[in-house]
PDB file of N, CA and C in Angstrom:
ATOM      1  N   MET A   1       0.862  -1.348   0.010  1.00  0.00           N
ATOM      2  CA  MET A   1       0.432   0.107  -0.218  1.00  0.00           C
ATOM      3  C   MET A   1       0.505   0.764  -0.064  1.00  0.00           C
ATOM      4  N   GLY A   2       1.114   2.187  -0.946  1.00  0.00           N
ATOM      5  CA  GLY A   2       1.352   3.391  -0.846  1.00  0.00           C
ATOM      6  C   GLY A   2       1.118   4.431   0.454  1.00  0.00           C
ATOM      7  N   GLU A   3       1.675   5.571  -0.231  1.00  0.00           N
ATOM      8  CA  GLU A   3       1.034   7.032   0.988  1.00  0.00           C
ATOM      9  C   GLU A   3       0.331   7.201   0.595  1.00  0.00           C
ATOM     10  N   LYS A   4      -0.350   7.971   2.105  1.00  0.00           N
ATOM     11  CA  LYS A   4      -1.635   8.341   1.955  1.00  0.00           C
ATOM     12  C   LYS A   4      -1.797   9.700   1.311  1.00  0.00           C
ATOM     13  N   PHE A   5      -2.828   9.424   0.243  1.00  0.00           N
ATOM     14  CA  PHE A   5      -2.340  11.363  -0.131  1.00  0.00           C
ATOM     15  C   PHE A   5      -3.308  12.083   0.047  1.00  0.00           C
ATOM     16  N   SER A   6      -2.377  13.326   0.424  1.00  0.00           N
ATOM     17  CA  SER A   6      -3.152  14.350   0.973  1.00  0.00           C
ATOM     18  C   SER A   6      -4.384  15.049   1.512  1.00  0.00           C
ATOM     19  N   ASP A   7      -5.486  14.993   3.136  1.00  0.00           N
ATOM     20  CA  ASP A   7      -6.699  15.395   2.717  1.00  0.00           C
ATOM     21  C   ASP A   7      -7.147  16.806   2.477  1.00  0.00           C
ATOM     22  N   LYS A   8      -5.998  17.641   2.559  1.00  0.00           N
ATOM     23  CA  LYS A   8      -6.278  19.448   2.430  1.00  0.00           C
ATOM     24  C   LYS A   8      -6.113  18.742   0.203  1.00  0.00           C
ATOM     25  N   LEU A   9      -5.414  18.401  -0.183  1.00  0.00           N
ATOM     26  CA  LEU A   9      -5.775  18.544  -1.725  1.00  0.00           C
ATOM     27  C   LEU A   9      -6.478  17.687  -2.183  1.00  0.00           C
ATOM     28  N   LYS A  10      -7.227  16.657  -1.461  1.00  0.00           N
ATOM     29  CA  LYS A  10      -8.131  15.760  -2.435  1.00  0.00           C
ATOM     30  C   LYS A  10      -9.588  16.282  -1.689  1.00  0.00           C
ATOM     31  N   ASP A  11      -9.390  16.904  -0.727  1.00  0.00           N
ATOM     32  CA  ASP A  11     -10.802  18.799  -1.307  1.00  0.00           C
ATOM     33  C   ASP A  11     -10.917  19.186  -1.971  1.00  0.00           C
ATOM     34  N   LEU A  12      -9.608  19.580  -2.764  1.00  0.00           N
ATOM     35  CA  LEU A  12      -9.401  20.026  -3.617  1.00  0.00           C
ATOM     36  C   LEU A  12     -10.372  19.628  -5.338  1.00  0.00           C
ATOM     37  N   LEU A  13     -10.100  18.516  -5.554  1.00  0.00           N
ATOM     38  CA  LEU A  13     -10.334  18.005  -6.654  1.00  0.00           C
ATOM     39  C   LEU A  13     -11.935  17.307  -6.359  1.00  0.00           C
ATOM     40  N   THR A  14     -12.943  17.284  -7.754  1.00  0.00           N
ATOM     41  CA  THR A  14     -14.121  16.079  -7.617  1.00  0.00           C
ATOM     42  C   THR A  14     -13.659  14.832  -8.016  1.00  0.00           C
ATOM     43  N   GLU A  15     -14.938  14.290  -7.733  1.00  0.00           N
ATOM     44  CA  GLU A  15     -15.225  12.527  -7.519  1.00  0.00           C
ATOM     45  C   GLU A  15     -15.329  12.305  -8.873  1.00  0.00           C
ATOM     46  N   GLU A  16     -15.599  13.204  -9.703  1.00  0.00           N
ATOM     47  CA  GLU A  16     -15.623  12.726 -11.029  1.00  0.00           C
ATOM     48  C   GLU A  16     -13.728  12.775 -11.650  1.00  0.00           C
ATOM     49  N   PHE A  17     -13.205  13.420 -11.191  1.00  0.00           N
ATOM     50  CA  PHE A  17     -11.688  13.050 -11.273  1.00  0.00           C
ATOM     51  C   PHE A  17     -11.260  12.272 -10.910  1.00  0.00           C
ATOM     52  N   ILE A  18     -11.272  12.087  -9.041  1.00  0.00           N
ATOM     53  CA  ILE A  18     -10.684  10.714  -9.035  1.00  0.00           C
ATOM     54  C   ILE A  18     -10.667   9.580  -9.816  1.00  0.00           C
ATOM     55  N   ASP A  19     -12.410   9.257  -9.920  1.00  0.00           N
ATOM     56  CA  ASP A  19     -13.291   8.158 -10.612  1.00  0.00           C
ATOM     57  C   ASP A  19     -11.705   7.771 -11.990  1.00  0.00           C
ATOM     58  N   ALA A  20     -12.028   9.021 -12.818  1.00  0.00           N
ATOM     59  CA  ALA A  20     -11.377   8.915 -13.905  1.00  0.00           C
ATOM     60  C   ALA A  20     -10.123   8.578 -13.916  1.00  0.00           C
ATOM     61  N   CYS A  21      -8.712   9.339 -13.111  1.00  0.00           N
ATOM     62  CA  CYS A  21      -7.671   8.940 -12.392  1.00  0.00           C
ATOM     63  C   CYS A  21      -7.659   7.403 -12.032  1.00  0.00           C
ATOM     64  N   LYS A  22      -8.911   6.861 -11.359  1.00  0.00           N
ATOM     65  CA  LYS A  22      -8.566   4.991 -10.650  1.00  0.00           C
ATOM     66  C   LYS A  22      -8.411   3.851 -11.808  1.00  0.00           C
ATOM     67  N   THR A  23      -9.846   4.801 -13.361  1.00  0.00           N
ATOM     68  CA  THR A  23     -10.015   3.543 -14.451  1.00  0.00           C
ATOM     69  C   THR A  23      -9.408   3.941 -15.949  1.00  0.00           C
ATOM     70  N   GLU A  24      -8.619   5.715 -15.891  1.00  0.00           N
ATOM     71  CA  GLU A  24      -7.929   5.620 -17.141  1.00  0.00           C
ATOM     72  C   GLU A  24      -6.465   5.263 -16.967  1.00  0.00           C
ATOM     73  N   ASP A  25      -6.456   4.888 -18.274  1.00  0.00           N
ATOM     74  CA  ASP A  25      -4.707   3.858 -18.762  1.00  0.00           C
ATOM     75  C   ASP A  25      -3.946   4.897 -18.443  1.00  0.00           C
ATOM     76  N   THR A  26      -2.968   4.588 -18.405  1.00  0.00           N
ATOM     77  CA  THR A  26      -1.557   5.295 -18.183  1.00  0.00           C
ATOM     78  C   THR A  26      -0.842   6.462 -19.221  1.00  0.00           C
ATOM     79  N   GLU A  27      -1.189   6.190 -20.003  1.00  0.00           N
ATOM     80  CA  GLU A  27      -1.410   6.969 -21.267  1.00  0.00           C
ATOM     81  C   GLU A  27      -2.530   8.308 -21.107  1.00  0.00           C
ATOM     82  N   ALA A  28      -3.485   8.188 -21.035  1.00  0.00           N
ATOM     83  CA  ALA A  28      -3.902   8.758 -20.865  1.00  0.00           C
ATOM     84  C   ALA A  28      -3.615   9.717 -19.756  1.00  0.00           C
ATOM     85  N   LEU A  29      -3.409   9.214 -18.604  1.00  0.00           N
ATOM     86  CA  LEU A  29      -3.006   9.731 -16.860  1.00  0.00           C
ATOM     87  C   LEU A  29      -1.626  10.717 -17.395  1.00  0.00           C
ATOM     88  N   GLN A  30      -0.987  10.020 -18.622  1.00  0.00           N
ATOM     89  CA  GLN A  30       0.119  10.649 -18.312  1.00  0.00           C
ATOM     90  C   GLN A  30      -0.174  11.955 -19.426  1.00  0.00           C
ATOM     91  N   LYS A  31      -1.066  12.062 -20.556  1.00  0.00           N
ATOM     92  CA  LYS A  31      -1.458  13.399 -21.098  1.00  0.00           C
ATOM     93  C   LYS A  31      -2.223  14.058 -20.112  1.00  0.00           C
ATOM     94  N   ARG A  32      -3.136  13.787 -19.145  1.00  0.00           N
ATOM     95  CA  ARG A  32      -3.605  14.913 -18.490  1.00  0.00           C
ATOM     96  C   ARG A  32      -2.512  15.631 -17.691  1.00  0.00           C
ATOM     97  N   VAL A  33      -1.097  15.169 -17.226  1.00  0.00           N
ATOM     98  CA  VAL A  33      -0.439  15.556 -16.447  1.00  0.00           C
ATOM     99  C   VAL A  33       0.002  16.660 -17.828  1.00  0.00           C
ATOM    100  N   TYR A  34       0.119  16.464 -18.660  1.00  0.00           N
ATOM    101  CA  TYR A  34       1.030  16.798 -19.663  1.00  0.00           C
ATOM    102  C   TYR A  34       0.249  18.556 -20.171  1.00  0.00           C
ATOM    103  N   ASP A  35      -1.105  18.548 -19.718  1.00  0.00           N
ATOM    104  CA  ASP A  35      -2.547  19.312 -20.403  1.00  0.00           C
ATOM    105  C   ASP A  35      -2.104  19.902 -19.288  1.00  0.00           C
ATOM    106  N   TYR A  36      -1.831  19.619 -17.685  1.00  0.00           N
ATOM    107  CA  TYR A  36      -2.176  20.504 -16.488  1.00  0.00           C
ATOM    108  C   TYR A  36      -1.144  21.265 -16.525  1.00  0.00           C
ATOM    109  N   ARG A  37       0.115  20.399 -16.334  1.00  0.00           N
ATOM    110  CA  ARG A  37       1.551  20.922 -16.821  1.00  0.00           C
ATOM    111  C   ARG A  37       1.210  22.320 -17.497  1.00  0.00           C
ATOM    112  N   LYS A  38       0.662  22.205 -18.849  1.00  0.00           N
ATOM    113  CA  LYS A  38       0.434  23.288 -19.649  1.00  0.00           C
ATOM    114  C   LYS A  38      -0.123  24.460 -19.324  1.00  0.00           C
ATOM    115  N   ILE A  39      -1.176  24.264 -18.658  1.00  0.00           N
ATOM    116  CA  ILE A  39      -2.530  25.281 -18.117  1.00  0.00           C
ATOM    117  C   ILE A  39      -1.573  26.055 -17.094  1.00  0.00           C
ATOM    118  N   ILE A  40      -1.100  25.540 -16.157  1.00  0.00           N
ATOM    119  CA  ILE A  40       0.510  25.532 -15.179  1.00  0.00           C
ATOM    120  C   ILE A  40       0.952  26.626 -15.465  1.00  0.00           C
ATOM    121  N   GLU A  41       2.038  26.629 -16.956  1.00  0.00           N
ATOM    122  CA  GLU A  41       2.968  27.477 -17.372  1.00  0.00           C
ATOM    123  C   GLU A  41       2.589  28.292 -18.170  1.00  0.00           C
ATOM    124  N   ASP A  42       0.872  28.685 -18.698  1.00  0.00           N
ATOM    125  CA  ASP A  42       0.351  29.215 -19.202  1.00  0.00           C
ATOM    126  C   ASP A  42      -0.065  30.006 -17.988  1.00  0.00           C
ATOM    127  N   THR A  43      -0.468  30.079 -16.628  1.00  0.00           N
ATOM    128  CA  THR A  43      -1.191  30.783 -16.299  1.00  0.00           C
ATOM    129  C   THR A  43       0.028  31.564 -15.147  1.00  0.00           C
ATOM    130  N   GLU A  44       0.927  30.699 -14.616  1.00  0.00           N
ATOM    131  CA  GLU A  44       2.354  31.473 -14.624  1.00  0.00           C
ATOM    132  C   GLU A  44       2.543  32.815 -15.713  1.00  0.00           C
ATOM    133  N   ARG A  45       2.667  32.631 -16.733  1.00  0.00           N
ATOM    134  CA  ARG A  45       3.528  33.660 -17.739  1.00  0.00           C
ATOM    135  C   ARG A  45       1.785  34.425 -17.522  1.00  0.00           C
ATOM    136  N   GLU A  46       0.882  34.492 -18.007  1.00  0.00           N
ATOM    137  CA  GLU A  46      -0.293  35.935 -17.516  1.00  0.00           C
ATOM    138  C   GLU A  46       0.041  35.905 -16.476  1.00  0.00           C
ATOM    139  N   LYS A  47       0.700  35.730 -14.974  1.00  0.00           N
ATOM    140  CA  LYS A  47       0.234  36.171 -14.102  1.00  0.00           C
ATOM    141  C   LYS A  47       1.468  37.196 -13.733  1.00  0.00           C
ATOM    142  N   SER A  48       2.818  37.068 -14.557  1.00  0.00           N
ATOM    143  CA  SER A  48       3.879  37.737 -14.096  1.00  0.00           C
ATOM    144  C   SER A  48       3.891  38.580 -15.078  1.00  0.00           C
ATOM    145  N   GLU A  49       2.948  38.867 -16.251  1.00  0.00           N
ATOM    146  CA  GLU A  49       2.944  39.750 -17.087  1.00  0.00           C
ATOM    147  C   GLU A  49       0.950  40.418 -17.253  1.00  0.00           C
ATOM    148  N   ASP A  50       1.181  40.536 -15.815  1.00  0.00           N
ATOM    149  CA  ASP A  50      -0.989  40.859 -15.659  1.00  0.00           C
ATOM    150  C   ASP A  50       0.214  42.756 -14.881  1.00  0.00           C
ATOM    151  N   GLU A  51      -0.586  43.371 -15.883  1.00  0.00           N
ATOM    152  CA  GLU A  51       0.074  44.613 -15.077  1.00  0.00           C
ATOM    153  C   GLU A  51      -0.033  45.239 -13.739  1.00  0.00           C
ATOM    154  N   ALA A  52      -1.445  45.188 -13.890  1.00  0.00           N
ATOM    155  CA  ALA A  52      -2.372  45.317 -12.862  1.00  0.00           C
ATOM    156  C   ALA A  52      -1.969  44.429 -11.592  1.00  0.00           C
ATOM    157  N   LEU A  53      -1.806  43.199 -12.082  1.00  0.00           N
ATOM    158  CA  LEU A  53      -0.837  42.584 -10.820  1.00  0.00           C
ATOM    159  C   LEU A  53      -0.228  43.116  -9.844  1.00  0.00           C
ATOM    160  N   SER A  54       1.060  43.305 -11.105  1.00  0.00           N
ATOM    161  CA  SER A  54       2.403  43.895 -11.466  1.00  0.00           C
ATOM    162  C   SER A  54       2.082  45.440 -10.339  1.00  0.00           C
ATOM    163  N   THR A  55       0.973  46.394 -10.765  1.00  0.00           N
ATOM    164  CA  THR A  55       1.398  47.368 -10.113  1.00  0.00           C
ATOM    165  C   THR A  55       0.675  47.257  -8.556  1.00  0.00           C
ATOM    166  N   ALA A  56      -0.257  46.434  -8.459  1.00  0.00           N
ATOM    167  CA  ALA A  56      -0.709  45.756  -7.416  1.00  0.00           C
ATOM    168  C   ALA A  56       0.126  46.131  -5.887  1.00  0.00           C
ATOM    169  N   ARG A  57       1.174  44.840  -6.471  1.00  0.00           N
ATOM    170  CA  ARG A  57       2.134  44.236  -5.289  1.00  0.00           C
ATOM    171  C   ARG A  57       3.170  45.268  -5.584  1.00  0.00           C
ATOM    172  N   SER A  58       3.192  46.526  -6.349  1.00  0.00           N
ATOM    173  CA  SER A  58       4.625  47.372  -5.988  1.00  0.00           C
ATOM    174  C   SER A  58       3.664  48.260  -5.353  1.00  0.00           C
ATOM    175  N   GLU A  59       2.836  48.706  -4.565  1.00  0.00           N
ATOM    176  CA  GLU A  59       2.008  49.205  -4.052  1.00  0.00           C
ATOM    177  C   GLU A  59       1.759  49.072  -2.511  1.00  0.00           C
ATOM    178  N   VAL A  60       1.679  47.530  -2.819  1.00  0.00           N
ATOM    179  CA  VAL A  60       1.644  47.210  -1.059  1.00  0.00           C
ATOM    180  C   VAL A  60       3.297  47.124  -0.686  1.00  0.00           C
ATOM    181  N   ARG A  61       4.621  46.648  -1.865  1.00  0.00           N
ATOM    182  CA  ARG A  61       5.826  46.839  -1.000  1.00  0.00           C
ATOM    183  C   ARG A  61       5.250  48.176  -0.861  1.00  0.00           C
ATOM    184  N   ARG A  62       5.071  49.267  -1.377  1.00  0.00           N
ATOM    185  CA  ARG A  62       5.291  50.519  -1.195  1.00  0.00           C
ATOM    186  C   ARG A  62       4.748  50.962   0.232  1.00  0.00           C
ATOM    187  N   LEU A  63       3.573  50.711   0.472  1.00  0.00           N
ATOM    188  CA  LEU A  63       2.873  51.019   1.579  1.00  0.00           C
ATOM    189  C   LEU A  63       3.554  50.416   2.956  1.00  0.00           C
ATOM    190  N   GLY A  64       4.032  48.619   2.888  1.00  0.00           N
ATOM    191  CA  GLY A  64       4.641  48.359   3.889  1.00  0.00           C
ATOM    192  C   GLY A  64       5.947  48.660   4.490  1.00  0.00           C
ATOM    193  N   LEU A  65       6.630  48.902   3.757  1.00  0.00           N
ATOM    194  CA  LEU A  65       7.813  49.578   3.650  1.00  0.00           C
ATOM    195  C   LEU A  65       8.128  49.971   4.763  1.00  0.00           C
ATOM    196  N   LYS A  66       7.377  51.443   5.123  1.00  0.00           N
ATOM    197  CA  LYS A  66       7.622  52.143   6.637  1.00  0.00           C
ATOM    198  C   LYS A  66       7.508  50.617   7.498  1.00  0.00           C
ATOM    199  N   TYR A  67       6.587  50.400   7.930  1.00  0.00           N
ATOM    200  CA  TYR A  67       6.594  48.726   8.795  1.00  0.00           C
ATOM    201  C   TYR A  67       7.553  48.122   8.924  1.00  0.00           C
ATOM    202  N   THR A  68       7.576  47.481   7.539  1.00  0.00           N
ATOM    203  CA  THR A  68       8.717  46.555   7.087  1.00  0.00           C
ATOM    204  C   THR A  68      10.057  46.679   7.772  1.00  0.00           C
ATOM    205  N   GLU A  69      10.648  48.991   7.717  1.00  0.00           N
ATOM    206  CA  GLU A  69      11.515  49.352   8.104  1.00  0.00           C
ATOM    207  C   GLU A  69      11.855  49.280   9.502  1.00  0.00           C
ATOM    208  N   ILE A  70      10.901  49.436  10.118  1.00  0.00           N
ATOM    209  CA  ILE A  70      10.301  49.318  11.764  1.00  0.00           C
ATOM    210  C   ILE A  70      10.878  48.047  12.314  1.00  0.00           C
ATOM    211  N   ILE A  71      10.481  47.433  11.374  1.00  0.00           N
ATOM    212  CA  ILE A  71      10.745  46.099  11.626  1.00  0.00           C
ATOM    213  C   ILE A  71      11.804  45.777  12.104  1.00  0.00           C
ATOM    214  N   LYS A  72      12.813  45.647  10.805  1.00  0.00           N
ATOM    215  CA  LYS A  72      13.872  46.038  10.394  1.00  0.00           C
ATOM    216  C   LYS A  72      14.843  46.688  11.247  1.00  0.00           C
ATOM    217  N   ASN A  73      14.679  47.589  11.905  1.00  0.00           N
ATOM    218  CA  ASN A  73      15.308  47.859  13.164  1.00  0.00           C
ATOM    219  C   ASN A  73      15.076  47.913  14.662  1.00  0.00           C
ATOM    220  N   GLN A  74      14.151  48.035  14.349  1.00  0.00           N
ATOM    221  CA  GLN A  74      14.092  46.782  16.250  1.00  0.00           C
ATOM    222  C   GLN A  74      14.615  46.087  16.604  1.00  0.00           C
ATOM    223  N   GLN A  75      14.570  45.394  15.162  1.00  0.00           N
ATOM    224  CA  GLN A  75      14.830  43.533  15.418  1.00  0.00           C
ATOM    225  C   GLN A  75      16.072  43.672  15.818  1.00  0.00           C
ATOM    226  N   ALA A  76      17.550  45.112  14.695  1.00  0.00           N
ATOM    227  CA  ALA A  76      18.187  45.219  14.718  1.00  0.00           C
ATOM    228  C   ALA A  76      18.718  45.222  16.533  1.00  0.00           C
ATOM    229  N   MET A  77      18.217  46.938  16.509  1.00  0.00           N
ATOM    230  CA  MET A  77      18.316  47.224  18.276  1.00  0.00           C
ATOM    231  C   MET A  77      18.192  45.505  18.762  1.00  0.00           C
ATOM    232  N   ILE A  78      17.286  44.806  19.054  1.00  0.00           N
ATOM    233  CA  ILE A  78      17.782  43.617  19.842  1.00  0.00           C
ATOM    234  C   ILE A  78      18.715  42.829  20.264  1.00  0.00           C
ATOM    235  N   LYS A  79      18.609  42.218  18.391  1.00  0.00           N
ATOM    236  CA  LYS A  79      19.985  42.135  18.697  1.00  0.00           C
ATOM    237  C   LYS A  79      21.881  43.021  19.082  1.00  0.00           C
ATOM    238  N   TYR A  80      21.380  43.698  19.130  1.00  0.00           N
ATOM    239  CA  TYR A  80      22.847  44.762  19.400  1.00  0.00           C
ATOM    240  C   TYR A  80      23.003  44.447  21.285  1.00  0.00           C
ATOM    241  N   ILE A  81      21.596  44.491  21.397  1.00  0.00           N
ATOM    242  CA  ILE A  81      21.597  44.462  22.824  1.00  0.00           C
ATOM    243  C   ILE A  81      21.803  42.926  23.722  1.00  0.00           C
ATOM    244  N   PHE A  82      21.630  41.591  22.724  1.00  0.00           N
ATOM    245  CA  PHE A  82      22.010  40.144  23.413  1.00  0.00           C
ATOM    246  C   PHE A  82      23.366  40.576  22.715  1.00  0.00           C
ATOM    247  N   HIS A  83      24.194  41.018  22.158  1.00  0.00           N
ATOM    248  CA  HIS A  83      25.571  40.779  21.708  1.00  0.00           C
ATOM    249  C   HIS A  83      25.530  41.692  23.030  1.00  0.00           C
ATOM    250  N   THR A  84      25.075  43.035  23.007  1.00  0.00           N
ATOM    251  CA  THR A  84      25.989  43.603  24.156  1.00  0.00           C
ATOM    252  C   THR A  84      26.259  42.725  25.754  1.00  0.00           C
ATOM    253  N   LEU A  85      25.174  42.045  26.109  1.00  0.00           N
ATOM    254  CA  LEU A  85      24.523  41.205  27.006  1.00  0.00           C
ATOM    255  C   LEU A  85      25.971  40.207  26.820  1.00  0.00           C
ATOM    256  N   ARG A  86      26.054  39.732  26.135  1.00  0.00           N
ATOM    257  CA  ARG A  86      26.988  38.323  25.669  1.00  0.00           C
ATOM    258  C   ARG A  86      28.861  38.576  26.171  1.00  0.00           C
ATOM    259  N   GLU A  87      28.377  39.820  25.540  1.00  0.00           N
ATOM    260  CA  GLU A  87      29.907  40.516  26.337  1.00  0.00           C
ATOM    261  C   GLU A  87      30.301  40.710  27.162  1.00  0.00           C
ATOM    262  N   ARG A  88      29.136  41.631  28.117  1.00  0.00           N
ATOM    263  CA  ARG A  88      29.290  41.696  29.367  1.00  0.00           C
ATOM    264  C   ARG A  88      29.157  40.591  30.236  1.00  0.00           C
ATOM    265  N   SER A  89      29.262  39.089  29.359  1.00  0.00           N
ATOM    266  CA  SER A  89      28.595  38.469  30.930  1.00  0.00           C
ATOM    267  C   SER A  89      30.043  37.421  29.703  1.00  0.00           C
ATOM    268  N   GLY A  90      30.287  37.901  29.265  1.00  0.00           N
ATOM    269  CA  GLY A  90      32.497  36.669  28.839  1.00  0.00           C
ATOM    270  C   GLY A  90      31.812  36.103  27.692  1.00  0.00           C
ATOM    271  N   GLU A  91      31.059  36.742  27.272  1.00  0.00           N
ATOM    272  CA  GLU A  91      30.865  35.641  26.380  1.00  0.00           C
ATOM    273  C   GLU A  91      31.343  35.454  24.792  1.00  0.00           C
ATOM    274  N   ASN A  92      31.504  36.628  24.448  1.00  0.00           N
ATOM    275  CA  ASN A  92      31.936  37.315  23.024  1.00  0.00           C
ATOM    276  C   ASN A  92      33.517  37.072  23.054  1.00  0.00           C
ATOM    277  N   LYS A  93      33.981  36.816  24.153  1.00  0.00           N
ATOM    278  CA  LYS A  93      35.849  37.133  24.174  1.00  0.00           C
ATOM    279  C   LYS A  93      36.319  35.662  23.839  1.00  0.00           C
TER     280      LYS A  93
END
């Protein structure tokens, strides 16, 4: 018996698809894989060429920049405090 298929992924599939996979021959299943990979490739290309999506991502990055900078700054200060404390305790020598 093989490994169990993820329930989370199985929830994305229709019963018709599952039944078809159980009954189709290997060649038909391989064709499905080829076709689905082509759809993924086309979709990823369209996504990368979507100017509205690209613009939205840029805007999200711009809007989040001040928060990102604050977080980075606070993290750096915390790390420096730990560095200083280690030096005081002799751990960094």
